[in-house]
Structures are given as C-alpha cells and as structure tokens.
C-alpha cells in the first residue's frame, strides 16, 4: 500500500532523473547558467514536485491534473536535453541513459494518470 508519494516508483525514478540532469548540466558552459541550464534543471525538478503536490490535493481528478503537468514537464525536459546534444553541450552517449529513464517515467506517469481517472 502506498502511504506517501515517496513510495511511488515513478516519483523515485523522477528524483533519479533530477540527479542525472544536474550532473549532466554541471558540464555546460558558464554562459548557459541562466539559459538552457536553468530551463533544463527547472523542468527536471518540476516532475517529482508535481507528483508530490498532486498527491496532496483533495481529489483524484486534481491529482491527475498535476500528473498531466508532470508529463508536460517531462516532454519539455526531453526536448531540452535533445537541444543540449544538438548544441554539443553533452554527448548522445551521456544523454541516452537519461532519455531512456525519462521514457520509463513517461509510461509510469501515463499509467498513474489513467488509474486516477478510473
């Protein structure tokens, strides 16, 4: 039985993604500190934060809405990560494990949303 959002595998995996993104972004050029670096880390943090916030809302429908917001942040994060690869800030080899993890989180978020709307 899930007692807290922290017990959810999707929250745990999204927290792992936050760590990975911060590690990856630490190698960005300094001039990207307030550009791509900032957007990348904010979108990563938004995923587990929205799962947590939604879990404490009053209804399943509200929770599902926050899971939808988390899904949007995940799509943003994937796009920003691909931009970082295209700009040469990170290699594909470095980004691919994160992208694979995000694909897994995306599936879990979709399943969570579906279960909340039943």
N, C-alpha and C. Protein backbone atom coordinates (compact mmCIF):
# COMPACT_ATOMS: atom_id res chain seq x y z
N UNK A 1 0.84 -1.18 0.00
CA UNK A 1 0.00 0.00 0.00
C UNK A 1 0.89 1.25 0.00
N UNK A 2 0.50 2.21 -0.79
CA UNK A 2 1.25 3.46 -0.89
C UNK A 2 0.78 4.40 0.22
N UNK A 3 1.71 4.78 1.08
CA UNK A 3 1.37 5.69 2.17
C UNK A 3 1.75 7.13 1.84
N UNK A 4 2.71 7.28 0.95
CA UNK A 4 3.22 8.61 0.62
C UNK A 4 3.64 8.62 -0.85
N UNK A 5 3.65 9.79 -1.43
CA UNK A 5 4.14 9.91 -2.80
C UNK A 5 5.58 9.42 -2.91
N UNK A 6 6.33 9.46 -1.82
CA UNK A 6 7.72 9.00 -1.83
C UNK A 6 7.82 7.49 -2.02
N UNK A 7 6.73 6.78 -1.79
CA UNK A 7 6.69 5.34 -2.00
C UNK A 7 6.48 4.99 -3.47
N UNK A 8 6.05 5.94 -4.27
CA UNK A 8 5.77 5.69 -5.68
C UNK A 8 7.08 5.53 -6.47
N UNK A 9 7.17 4.45 -7.23
CA UNK A 9 8.36 4.22 -8.07
C UNK A 9 8.53 5.37 -9.06
N UNK A 10 7.43 5.89 -9.60
CA UNK A 10 7.52 6.97 -10.57
C UNK A 10 8.15 8.22 -9.94
N UNK A 11 7.81 8.50 -8.69
CA UNK A 11 8.43 9.64 -8.00
C UNK A 11 9.91 9.38 -7.78
N UNK A 12 10.25 8.17 -7.34
CA UNK A 12 11.65 7.82 -7.09
C UNK A 12 12.48 7.91 -8.36
N UNK A 13 11.95 7.40 -9.46
CA UNK A 13 12.68 7.45 -10.74
C UNK A 13 12.82 8.88 -11.24
N UNK A 14 11.80 9.68 -11.02
CA UNK A 14 11.90 11.08 -11.46
C UNK A 14 12.92 11.83 -10.61
N UNK A 15 13.05 11.47 -9.34
CA UNK A 15 14.09 12.05 -8.50
C UNK A 15 15.48 11.64 -8.99
N UNK A 16 15.61 10.38 -9.43
CA UNK A 16 16.87 9.93 -10.03
C UNK A 16 17.19 10.76 -11.27
N UNK A 17 16.17 11.07 -12.05
CA UNK A 17 16.37 11.89 -13.25
C UNK A 17 16.87 13.29 -12.90
N UNK A 18 16.34 13.85 -11.83
CA UNK A 18 16.78 15.17 -11.38
C UNK A 18 18.29 15.13 -11.10
N UNK A 19 18.71 14.12 -10.36
CA UNK A 19 20.14 13.99 -10.06
C UNK A 19 20.97 13.88 -11.34
N UNK A 20 20.52 13.04 -12.25
CA UNK A 20 21.24 12.86 -13.51
C UNK A 20 21.33 14.12 -14.33
N UNK A 21 20.24 14.88 -14.36
CA UNK A 21 20.23 16.13 -15.12
C UNK A 21 21.18 17.15 -14.49
N UNK A 22 21.17 17.26 -13.18
CA UNK A 22 22.09 18.19 -12.52
C UNK A 22 23.55 17.81 -12.77
N UNK A 23 23.84 16.52 -12.73
CA UNK A 23 25.21 16.08 -13.00
C UNK A 23 25.60 16.40 -14.44
N UNK A 24 24.70 16.13 -15.36
CA UNK A 24 24.97 16.38 -16.77
C UNK A 24 25.13 17.88 -17.04
N UNK A 25 24.25 18.66 -16.47
CA UNK A 25 24.26 20.11 -16.71
C UNK A 25 25.46 20.81 -16.07
N UNK A 26 26.07 20.17 -15.11
CA UNK A 26 27.23 20.80 -14.47
C UNK A 26 28.39 21.01 -15.45
N UNK A 27 28.36 20.31 -16.56
CA UNK A 27 29.40 20.48 -17.56
C UNK A 27 29.07 21.51 -18.63
N UNK A 28 27.92 22.15 -18.53
CA UNK A 28 27.53 23.17 -19.50
C UNK A 28 28.45 24.38 -19.39
N UNK A 29 28.58 25.14 -20.48
CA UNK A 29 29.34 26.39 -20.40
C UNK A 29 28.70 27.36 -19.40
N UNK A 30 29.51 28.15 -18.77
CA UNK A 30 29.01 29.10 -17.76
C UNK A 30 27.95 30.05 -18.33
N UNK A 31 28.10 30.44 -19.58
CA UNK A 31 27.13 31.38 -20.16
C UNK A 31 25.75 30.78 -20.32
N UNK A 32 25.61 29.48 -20.16
CA UNK A 32 24.29 28.83 -20.22
C UNK A 32 23.63 28.73 -18.84
N UNK A 33 24.29 29.22 -17.81
CA UNK A 33 23.79 29.12 -16.45
C UNK A 33 22.35 29.65 -16.34
N UNK A 34 22.04 30.73 -17.03
CA UNK A 34 20.71 31.34 -16.93
C UNK A 34 19.86 31.07 -18.18
N UNK A 35 20.34 30.21 -19.03
CA UNK A 35 19.61 29.87 -20.24
C UNK A 35 19.16 28.42 -20.19
N UNK A 36 19.78 27.62 -21.04
CA UNK A 36 19.39 26.22 -21.16
C UNK A 36 19.58 25.45 -19.85
N UNK A 37 20.66 25.70 -19.14
CA UNK A 37 20.91 25.02 -17.87
C UNK A 37 19.74 25.23 -16.91
N UNK A 38 19.31 26.47 -16.79
CA UNK A 38 18.22 26.81 -15.88
C UNK A 38 16.92 26.13 -16.29
N UNK A 39 16.59 26.19 -17.57
CA UNK A 39 15.35 25.56 -18.04
C UNK A 39 15.39 24.06 -17.86
N UNK A 40 16.53 23.47 -18.15
CA UNK A 40 16.69 22.02 -18.04
C UNK A 40 16.48 21.55 -16.60
N UNK A 41 17.12 22.21 -15.67
CA UNK A 41 17.01 21.78 -14.27
C UNK A 41 15.62 22.08 -13.70
N UNK A 42 15.03 23.20 -14.09
CA UNK A 42 13.68 23.52 -13.59
C UNK A 42 12.66 22.51 -14.09
N UNK A 43 12.75 22.11 -15.35
CA UNK A 43 11.79 21.14 -15.86
C UNK A 43 11.99 19.78 -15.21
N UNK A 44 13.24 19.42 -14.92
CA UNK A 44 13.51 18.14 -14.24
C UNK A 44 12.90 18.14 -12.83
N UNK A 45 13.11 19.22 -12.10
CA UNK A 45 12.59 19.34 -10.73
C UNK A 45 11.06 19.35 -10.73
N UNK A 46 10.48 19.89 -11.76
CA UNK A 46 9.03 20.01 -11.84
C UNK A 46 8.31 18.66 -11.85
N UNK A 47 8.96 17.65 -12.38
CA UNK A 47 8.30 16.34 -12.49
C UNK A 47 7.99 15.74 -11.12
N UNK A 48 8.99 15.48 -10.27
CA UNK A 48 8.63 14.93 -8.95
C UNK A 48 7.87 15.91 -8.08
N UNK A 49 8.11 17.21 -8.27
CA UNK A 49 7.40 18.20 -7.47
C UNK A 49 5.90 18.17 -7.76
N UNK A 50 5.53 18.01 -9.03
CA UNK A 50 4.11 17.95 -9.38
C UNK A 50 3.46 16.65 -8.93
N UNK A 51 4.22 15.56 -8.96
CA UNK A 51 3.69 14.30 -8.43
C UNK A 51 3.39 14.47 -6.95
N UNK A 52 4.32 15.06 -6.22
CA UNK A 52 4.15 15.26 -4.78
C UNK A 52 2.97 16.19 -4.49
N UNK A 53 2.94 17.33 -5.18
CA UNK A 53 1.86 18.29 -4.93
C UNK A 53 0.50 17.69 -5.25
N UNK A 54 0.42 17.03 -6.39
CA UNK A 54 -0.85 16.43 -6.78
C UNK A 54 -1.35 15.39 -5.79
N UNK A 55 -0.42 14.65 -5.21
CA UNK A 55 -0.82 13.59 -4.27
C UNK A 55 -1.47 14.15 -3.01
N UNK A 56 -1.19 15.41 -2.73
CA UNK A 56 -1.75 16.03 -1.52
C UNK A 56 -2.98 16.87 -1.81
N UNK A 57 -3.42 16.87 -3.04
CA UNK A 57 -4.64 17.60 -3.39
C UNK A 57 -5.86 16.83 -2.92
N UNK A 58 -6.99 17.51 -2.94
CA UNK A 58 -8.20 16.94 -2.37
C UNK A 58 -8.89 15.87 -3.16
N UNK A 59 -8.61 15.76 -4.45
CA UNK A 59 -9.36 14.79 -5.23
C UNK A 59 -8.44 14.07 -6.21
N UNK A 60 -8.92 12.93 -6.67
CA UNK A 60 -8.18 12.16 -7.67
C UNK A 60 -8.07 12.93 -8.97
N UNK A 61 -9.11 13.69 -9.30
CA UNK A 61 -9.09 14.48 -10.53
C UNK A 61 -8.01 15.56 -10.45
N UNK A 62 -7.89 16.22 -9.31
CA UNK A 62 -6.83 17.21 -9.12
C UNK A 62 -5.45 16.56 -9.23
N UNK A 63 -5.31 15.40 -8.60
CA UNK A 63 -4.05 14.66 -8.65
C UNK A 63 -3.71 14.33 -10.11
N UNK A 64 -4.70 13.86 -10.85
CA UNK A 64 -4.49 13.52 -12.26
C UNK A 64 -4.03 14.75 -13.05
N UNK A 65 -4.56 15.92 -12.72
CA UNK A 65 -4.16 17.15 -13.39
C UNK A 65 -2.68 17.46 -13.14
N UNK A 66 -2.23 17.26 -11.91
CA UNK A 66 -0.82 17.50 -11.60
C UNK A 66 0.09 16.47 -12.26
N UNK A 67 -0.41 15.24 -12.40
CA UNK A 67 0.35 14.22 -13.13
C UNK A 67 0.45 14.64 -14.59
N UNK A 68 -0.60 15.22 -15.14
CA UNK A 68 -0.55 15.73 -16.51
C UNK A 68 0.48 16.85 -16.65
N UNK A 69 0.55 17.71 -15.66
CA UNK A 69 1.56 18.78 -15.68
C UNK A 69 2.96 18.17 -15.63
N UNK A 70 3.14 17.13 -14.82
CA UNK A 70 4.43 16.44 -14.75
C UNK A 70 4.78 15.85 -16.11
N UNK A 71 3.80 15.30 -16.81
CA UNK A 71 4.03 14.75 -18.15
C UNK A 71 4.48 15.85 -19.11
N UNK A 72 3.89 17.01 -19.00
CA UNK A 72 4.30 18.14 -19.84
C UNK A 72 5.72 18.57 -19.54
N UNK A 73 6.07 18.61 -18.26
CA UNK A 73 7.44 18.95 -17.87
C UNK A 73 8.43 17.92 -18.39
N UNK A 74 8.02 16.66 -18.39
CA UNK A 74 8.89 15.60 -18.91
C UNK A 74 9.14 15.79 -20.40
N UNK A 75 8.10 16.12 -21.16
CA UNK A 75 8.28 16.36 -22.59
C UNK A 75 9.21 17.56 -22.83
N UNK A 76 9.05 18.58 -22.00
CA UNK A 76 9.93 19.75 -22.09
C UNK A 76 11.38 19.34 -21.80
N UNK A 77 11.56 18.53 -20.76
CA UNK A 77 12.89 18.08 -20.36
C UNK A 77 13.55 17.27 -21.48
N UNK A 78 12.80 16.35 -22.08
CA UNK A 78 13.35 15.56 -23.19
C UNK A 78 13.81 16.48 -24.33
N UNK A 79 12.99 17.45 -24.65
CA UNK A 79 13.32 18.38 -25.74
C UNK A 79 14.56 19.19 -25.41
N UNK A 80 14.64 19.70 -24.20
CA UNK A 80 15.80 20.49 -23.79
C UNK A 80 17.07 19.65 -23.79
N UNK A 81 16.95 18.41 -23.38
CA UNK A 81 18.10 17.51 -23.38
C UNK A 81 18.58 17.26 -24.81
N UNK A 82 17.64 17.07 -25.72
CA UNK A 82 18.00 16.88 -27.13
C UNK A 82 18.63 18.15 -27.72
N UNK A 83 18.17 19.30 -27.28
CA UNK A 83 18.79 20.56 -27.71
C UNK A 83 20.23 20.63 -27.21
N UNK A 84 20.45 20.22 -25.97
CA UNK A 84 21.81 20.23 -25.41
C UNK A 84 22.74 19.32 -26.21
N UNK A 85 22.21 18.19 -26.66
CA UNK A 85 23.01 17.30 -27.51
C UNK A 85 23.31 17.98 -28.83
N UNK A 86 22.30 18.56 -29.45
CA UNK A 86 22.49 19.22 -30.76
C UNK A 86 23.47 20.38 -30.68
N UNK A 87 23.50 21.06 -29.54
CA UNK A 87 24.42 22.18 -29.38
C UNK A 87 25.82 21.73 -28.96
N UNK A 88 25.97 20.44 -28.70
CA UNK A 88 27.27 19.90 -28.35
C UNK A 88 27.65 20.08 -26.89
N UNK A 89 26.69 20.40 -26.03
CA UNK A 89 26.98 20.55 -24.61
C UNK A 89 27.13 19.20 -23.92
N UNK A 90 26.44 18.20 -24.45
CA UNK A 90 26.55 16.83 -23.95
C UNK A 90 26.56 15.88 -25.14
N UNK A 91 27.13 14.73 -24.92
CA UNK A 91 27.17 13.73 -25.99
C UNK A 91 25.88 12.90 -25.98
N UNK A 92 25.59 12.30 -27.10
CA UNK A 92 24.44 11.39 -27.16
C UNK A 92 24.62 10.24 -26.19
N UNK A 93 25.86 9.77 -26.07
CA UNK A 93 26.14 8.66 -25.15
C UNK A 93 25.82 9.04 -23.71
N UNK A 94 26.02 10.29 -23.35
CA UNK A 94 25.69 10.75 -21.99
C UNK A 94 24.20 10.97 -21.82
N UNK A 95 23.55 11.45 -22.86
CA UNK A 95 22.13 11.78 -22.78
C UNK A 95 21.23 10.56 -22.89
N UNK A 96 21.64 9.55 -23.64
CA UNK A 96 20.76 8.41 -23.90
C UNK A 96 20.28 7.68 -22.66
N UNK A 97 21.14 7.43 -21.66
CA UNK A 97 20.60 6.77 -20.45
C UNK A 97 19.52 7.61 -19.75
N UNK A 98 19.72 8.92 -19.75
CA UNK A 98 18.69 9.79 -19.16
C UNK A 98 17.41 9.76 -19.97
N UNK A 99 17.54 9.80 -21.28
CA UNK A 99 16.36 9.75 -22.15
C UNK A 99 15.61 8.42 -21.98
N UNK A 100 16.34 7.33 -21.82
CA UNK A 100 15.70 6.03 -21.58
C UNK A 100 14.94 6.04 -20.26
N UNK A 101 15.57 6.59 -19.23
CA UNK A 101 14.90 6.69 -17.94
C UNK A 101 13.66 7.56 -18.01
N UNK A 102 13.73 8.65 -18.77
CA UNK A 102 12.58 9.53 -18.92
C UNK A 102 11.45 8.83 -19.67
N UNK A 103 11.79 7.99 -20.63
CA UNK A 103 10.76 7.24 -21.35
C UNK A 103 10.02 6.30 -20.39
N UNK A 104 10.76 5.70 -19.47
CA UNK A 104 10.16 4.84 -18.47
C UNK A 104 9.25 5.64 -17.53
N UNK A 105 9.72 6.80 -17.09
CA UNK A 105 8.92 7.67 -16.22
C UNK A 105 7.65 8.11 -16.95
N UNK A 106 7.78 8.41 -18.23
CA UNK A 106 6.62 8.83 -19.01
C UNK A 106 5.54 7.75 -19.02
N UNK A 107 5.93 6.52 -19.22
CA UNK A 107 4.96 5.41 -19.21
C UNK A 107 4.30 5.28 -17.83
N UNK A 108 5.10 5.43 -16.79
CA UNK A 108 4.55 5.32 -15.43
C UNK A 108 3.59 6.46 -15.13
N UNK A 109 3.93 7.66 -15.60
CA UNK A 109 3.02 8.80 -15.39
C UNK A 109 1.70 8.57 -16.11
N UNK A 110 1.76 8.05 -17.32
CA UNK A 110 0.54 7.77 -18.07
C UNK A 110 -0.32 6.74 -17.35
N UNK A 111 0.32 5.71 -16.83
CA UNK A 111 -0.41 4.67 -16.09
C UNK A 111 -1.01 5.24 -14.80
N UNK A 112 -0.25 6.07 -14.10
CA UNK A 112 -0.77 6.68 -12.88
C UNK A 112 -1.98 7.55 -13.19
N UNK A 113 -1.88 8.36 -14.23
CA UNK A 113 -3.00 9.23 -14.60
C UNK A 113 -4.25 8.41 -14.93
N UNK A 114 -4.05 7.37 -15.71
CA UNK A 114 -5.17 6.51 -16.08
C UNK A 114 -5.83 5.91 -14.84
N UNK A 115 -5.01 5.43 -13.90
CA UNK A 115 -5.56 4.83 -12.67
C UNK A 115 -6.32 5.85 -11.82
N UNK A 116 -5.86 7.09 -11.85
CA UNK A 116 -6.54 8.13 -11.06
C UNK A 116 -7.88 8.52 -11.63
N UNK A 117 -8.05 8.37 -12.94
CA UNK A 117 -9.29 8.79 -13.60
C UNK A 117 -10.32 7.67 -13.71
N UNK A 118 -9.99 6.51 -13.20
CA UNK A 118 -10.96 5.39 -13.22
C UNK A 118 -12.03 5.57 -12.18
